[in-house]
Amino acid sequence: MSRILVVDDDQQIRLMLQMWLERDGHEVHLAEDGNDALDALKLETDGFDVVITDIVMPDKEGLELILELKKKYHKLKIIAMSGGGQLHPLTYLRMAQGLKADKTFRKPLKTQDLLEAVRELAAKTD
């Protein structure tokens, strides 16, 4: 079982991902934006195996979060996702890759693709 932190400002997306991941046997924690995610990381003594983050969010958005996570938590695996915003989703995802996100997905997500990515990345944290 892996510990996953899901970060998205859309409650429906958070709950959908939580359902998919818990059905796949993972422990899931939720955060509404990058600031909530950083708070969760500080509070969780056991840490997380994978962070799944949206890119376009209020307050601290996903690109800022990825940058901070890669500086503070070098081994933490990150999946970035985007449905777009002011820019095309692929532009955001290319930026996330440039910041060393381990995997990227365009919304809407395909359940099986995301679960396979989580399993693969979580196995690399062992």
C-alpha atoms as a PDB file:
ATOM      1  CA  MET A   1       0.000   0.000   0.000  1.00  0.00           C
ATOM      2  CA  SER A   2       1.313   3.423  -0.951  1.00  0.00           C
ATOM      3  CA  ARG A   3       0.618   6.758   0.678  1.00  0.00           C
ATOM      4  CA  ILE A   4      -0.672   9.239  -1.911  1.00  0.00           C
ATOM      5  CA  LEU A   5      -1.312  12.977  -1.601  1.00  0.00           C
ATOM      6  CA  VAL A   6      -3.845  14.326  -4.114  1.00  0.00           C
ATOM      7  CA  VAL A   7      -3.748  18.095  -4.704  1.00  0.00           C
ATOM      8  CA  ASP A   8      -6.536  19.735  -6.718  1.00  0.00           C
ATOM      9  CA  ASP A   9      -8.762  22.752  -6.162  1.00  0.00           C
ATOM     10  CA  ASP A  10     -11.744  20.898  -7.660  1.00  0.00           C
ATOM     11  CA  GLN A  11     -13.426  18.845  -4.941  1.00  0.00           C
ATOM     12  CA  GLN A  12     -15.031  16.474  -7.451  1.00  0.00           C
ATOM     13  CA  ILE A  13     -11.638  15.636  -8.957  1.00  0.00           C
ATOM     14  CA  ARG A  14     -10.113  15.098  -5.490  1.00  0.00           C
ATOM     15  CA  LEU A  15     -12.925  12.756  -4.463  1.00  0.00           C
ATOM     16  CA  MET A  16     -12.857  10.865  -7.758  1.00  0.00           C
ATOM     17  CA  LEU A  17      -9.101  10.296  -7.493  1.00  0.00           C
ATOM     18  CA  GLN A  18      -9.464   9.304  -3.849  1.00  0.00           C
ATOM     19  CA  MET A  19     -12.050   6.690  -4.807  1.00  0.00           C
ATOM     20  CA  TRP A  20      -9.910   5.259  -7.648  1.00  0.00           C
ATOM     21  CA  LEU A  21      -6.772   5.128  -5.510  1.00  0.00           C
ATOM     22  CA  GLU A  22      -8.416   3.669  -2.418  1.00  0.00           C
ATOM     23  CA  ARG A  23     -10.059   0.952  -4.529  1.00  0.00           C
ATOM     24  CA  ASP A  24      -6.551   0.160  -5.780  1.00  0.00           C
ATOM     25  CA  GLY A  25      -5.374  -0.260  -2.172  1.00  0.00           C
ATOM     26  CA  HIS A  26      -3.643   3.067  -1.522  1.00  0.00           C
ATOM     27  CA  GLU A  27      -3.917   5.358   1.489  1.00  0.00           C
ATOM     28  CA  VAL A  28      -5.039   8.753   0.201  1.00  0.00           C
ATOM     29  CA  HIS A  29      -4.772  12.254   1.682  1.00  0.00           C
ATOM     30  CA  LEU A  30      -6.300  15.330   0.058  1.00  0.00           C
ATOM     31  CA  ALA A  31      -5.214  18.964  -0.326  1.00  0.00           C
ATOM     32  CA  GLU A  32      -6.976  21.883  -2.027  1.00  0.00           C
ATOM     33  CA  ASP A  33      -3.885  23.711  -3.285  1.00  0.00           C
ATOM     34  CA  GLY A  34      -0.111  23.870  -3.014  1.00  0.00           C
ATOM     35  CA  ASN A  35      -0.161  25.515   0.407  1.00  0.00           C
ATOM     36  CA  ASP A  36      -2.415  22.781   1.820  1.00  0.00           C
ATOM     37  CA  ALA A  37      -0.121  20.173   0.266  1.00  0.00           C
ATOM     38  CA  LEU A  38       2.977  21.639   1.924  1.00  0.00           C
ATOM     39  CA  ASP A  39       1.131  21.729   5.258  1.00  0.00           C
ATOM     40  CA  ALA A  40       0.149  18.071   4.829  1.00  0.00           C
ATOM     41  CA  LEU A  41       3.750  17.119   4.094  1.00  0.00           C
ATOM     42  CA  LYS A  42       4.931  18.867   7.261  1.00  0.00           C
ATOM     43  CA  LEU A  43       2.299  17.096   9.386  1.00  0.00           C
ATOM     44  CA  GLU A  44       2.712  13.578   8.001  1.00  0.00           C
ATOM     45  CA  THR A  45       5.625  11.982   9.800  1.00  0.00           C
ATOM     46  CA  ASP A  46       5.517   8.936   7.520  1.00  0.00           C
ATOM     47  CA  GLY A  47       5.548  11.117   4.410  1.00  0.00           C
ATOM     48  CA  PHE A  48       4.046  10.235   1.047  1.00  0.00           C
ATOM     49  CA  ASP A  49       5.195   7.979  -1.750  1.00  0.00           C
ATOM     50  CA  VAL A  50       3.539   9.931  -4.566  1.00  0.00           C
ATOM     51  CA  VAL A  51       1.995  13.390  -4.949  1.00  0.00           C
ATOM     52  CA  ILE A  52      -0.592  13.873  -7.683  1.00  0.00           C
ATOM     53  CA  THR A  53      -1.077  17.574  -8.351  1.00  0.00           C
ATOM     54  CA  ASP A  54      -3.146  19.735 -10.621  1.00  0.00           C
ATOM     55  CA  ILE A  55      -1.279  22.613 -12.244  1.00  0.00           C
ATOM     56  CA  VAL A  56      -3.810  25.453 -12.371  1.00  0.00           C
ATOM     57  CA  MET A  57      -4.980  26.254  -8.817  1.00  0.00           C
ATOM     58  CA  PRO A  58      -5.504  29.418  -6.740  1.00  0.00           C
ATOM     59  CA  ASP A  59      -2.924  30.536  -4.181  1.00  0.00           C
ATOM     60  CA  LYS A  60       0.051  28.199  -4.699  1.00  0.00           C
ATOM     61  CA  GLU A  61      -0.372  26.520  -8.080  1.00  0.00           C
ATOM     62  CA  GLY A  62       1.066  23.208  -9.224  1.00  0.00           C
ATOM     63  CA  LEU A  63       4.254  24.416 -10.918  1.00  0.00           C
ATOM     64  CA  GLU A  64       5.299  26.278  -7.762  1.00  0.00           C
ATOM     65  CA  LEU A  65       4.472  23.205  -5.712  1.00  0.00           C
ATOM     66  CA  ILE A  66       6.520  20.889  -7.941  1.00  0.00           C
ATOM     67  CA  LEU A  67       9.500  23.235  -7.708  1.00  0.00           C
ATOM     68  CA  GLU A  68       9.320  23.333  -3.901  1.00  0.00           C
ATOM     69  CA  LEU A  69       8.764  19.608  -3.560  1.00  0.00           C
ATOM     70  CA  LYS A  70      11.753  18.751  -5.740  1.00  0.00           C
ATOM     71  CA  LYS A  71      13.949  21.054  -3.602  1.00  0.00           C
ATOM     72  CA  LYS A  72      12.750  19.793  -0.193  1.00  0.00           C
ATOM     73  CA  TYR A  73      11.801  16.164  -0.892  1.00  0.00           C
ATOM     74  CA  HIS A  74      14.231  14.934  -3.545  1.00  0.00           C
ATOM     75  CA  LYS A  75      12.962  11.355  -3.669  1.00  0.00           C
ATOM     76  CA  LEU A  76       9.246  12.183  -3.669  1.00  0.00           C
ATOM     77  CA  LYS A  77       7.566  11.073  -6.885  1.00  0.00           C
ATOM     78  CA  ILE A  78       5.267  13.610  -8.553  1.00  0.00           C
ATOM     79  CA  ILE A  79       2.475  13.231 -11.090  1.00  0.00           C
ATOM     80  CA  ALA A  80       1.239  16.483 -12.652  1.00  0.00           C
ATOM     81  CA  MET A  81      -2.124  16.845 -14.361  1.00  0.00           C
ATOM     82  CA  SER A  82      -3.770  19.689 -16.234  1.00  0.00           C
ATOM     83  CA  GLY A  83      -6.924  20.479 -18.111  1.00  0.00           C
ATOM     84  CA  GLY A  84      -5.572  23.852 -19.157  1.00  0.00           C
ATOM     85  CA  GLY A  85      -6.094  27.421 -18.079  1.00  0.00           C
ATOM     86  CA  GLN A  86      -4.779  30.506 -19.794  1.00  0.00           C
ATOM     87  CA  LEU A  87      -2.435  28.186 -21.715  1.00  0.00           C
ATOM     88  CA  HIS A  88      -3.016  24.873 -23.465  1.00  0.00           C
ATOM     89  CA  PRO A  89      -2.779  21.880 -21.072  1.00  0.00           C
ATOM     90  CA  LEU A  90       0.224  20.444 -22.922  1.00  0.00           C
ATOM     91  CA  THR A  91       2.127  23.681 -22.341  1.00  0.00           C
ATOM     92  CA  TYR A  92       1.595  23.359 -18.586  1.00  0.00           C
ATOM     93  CA  LEU A  93       2.559  19.697 -18.670  1.00  0.00           C
ATOM     94  CA  ARG A  94       5.778  20.429 -20.598  1.00  0.00           C
ATOM     95  CA  MET A  95       6.651  23.014 -17.934  1.00  0.00           C
ATOM     96  CA  ALA A  96       5.962  20.409 -15.230  1.00  0.00           C
ATOM     97  CA  GLN A  97       8.293  17.966 -16.989  1.00  0.00           C
ATOM     98  CA  GLY A  98      10.946  20.684 -17.103  1.00  0.00           C
ATOM     99  CA  LEU A  99      10.610  20.975 -13.322  1.00  0.00           C
ATOM    100  CA  LYS A 100      11.170  17.195 -13.054  1.00  0.00           C
ATOM    101  CA  ALA A 101       7.622  15.923 -12.539  1.00  0.00           C
ATOM    102  CA  ASP A 102       7.921  12.148 -12.912  1.00  0.00           C
ATOM    103  CA  LYS A 103       4.729  11.695 -14.965  1.00  0.00           C
ATOM    104  CA  THR A 104       2.205  14.041 -16.563  1.00  0.00           C
ATOM    105  CA  PHE A 105      -1.411  13.567 -17.605  1.00  0.00           C
ATOM    106  CA  ARG A 106      -3.894  15.679 -19.482  1.00  0.00           C
ATOM    107  CA  LYS A 107      -7.381  15.898 -18.005  1.00  0.00           C
ATOM    108  CA  PRO A 108      -9.739  14.148 -18.314  1.00  0.00           C
ATOM    109  CA  LEU A 109      -7.730  11.304 -16.816  1.00  0.00           C
ATOM    110  CA  LYS A 110      -8.006   7.659 -17.747  1.00  0.00           C
ATOM    111  CA  THR A 111      -8.327   5.601 -14.572  1.00  0.00           C
ATOM    112  CA  GLN A 112      -6.085   2.739 -15.611  1.00  0.00           C
ATOM    113  CA  ASP A 113      -3.300   5.001 -16.918  1.00  0.00           C
ATOM    114  CA  LEU A 114      -3.176   6.927 -13.646  1.00  0.00           C
ATOM    115  CA  LEU A 115      -3.252   3.802 -11.477  1.00  0.00           C
ATOM    116  CA  GLU A 116      -0.447   2.206 -13.484  1.00  0.00           C
ATOM    117  CA  ALA A 117       1.665   5.348 -13.129  1.00  0.00           C
ATOM    118  CA  VAL A 118       1.059   5.460  -9.365  1.00  0.00           C
ATOM    119  CA  ARG A 119       2.018   1.784  -8.983  1.00  0.00           C
ATOM    120  CA  GLU A 120       5.160   2.261 -11.069  1.00  0.00           C
ATOM    121  CA  LEU A 121       6.324   5.350  -9.190  1.00  0.00           C
ATOM    122  CA  ALA A 122       5.462   3.962  -5.761  1.00  0.00           C
ATOM    123  CA  ALA A 123       7.536   0.866  -6.531  1.00  0.00           C
ATOM    124  CA  LYS A 124      10.530   3.137  -7.240  1.00  0.00           C
ATOM    125  CA  THR A 125      10.336   4.673  -3.751  1.00  0.00           C
ATOM    126  CA  ASP A 126      11.086   1.353  -2.044  1.00  0.00           C
END
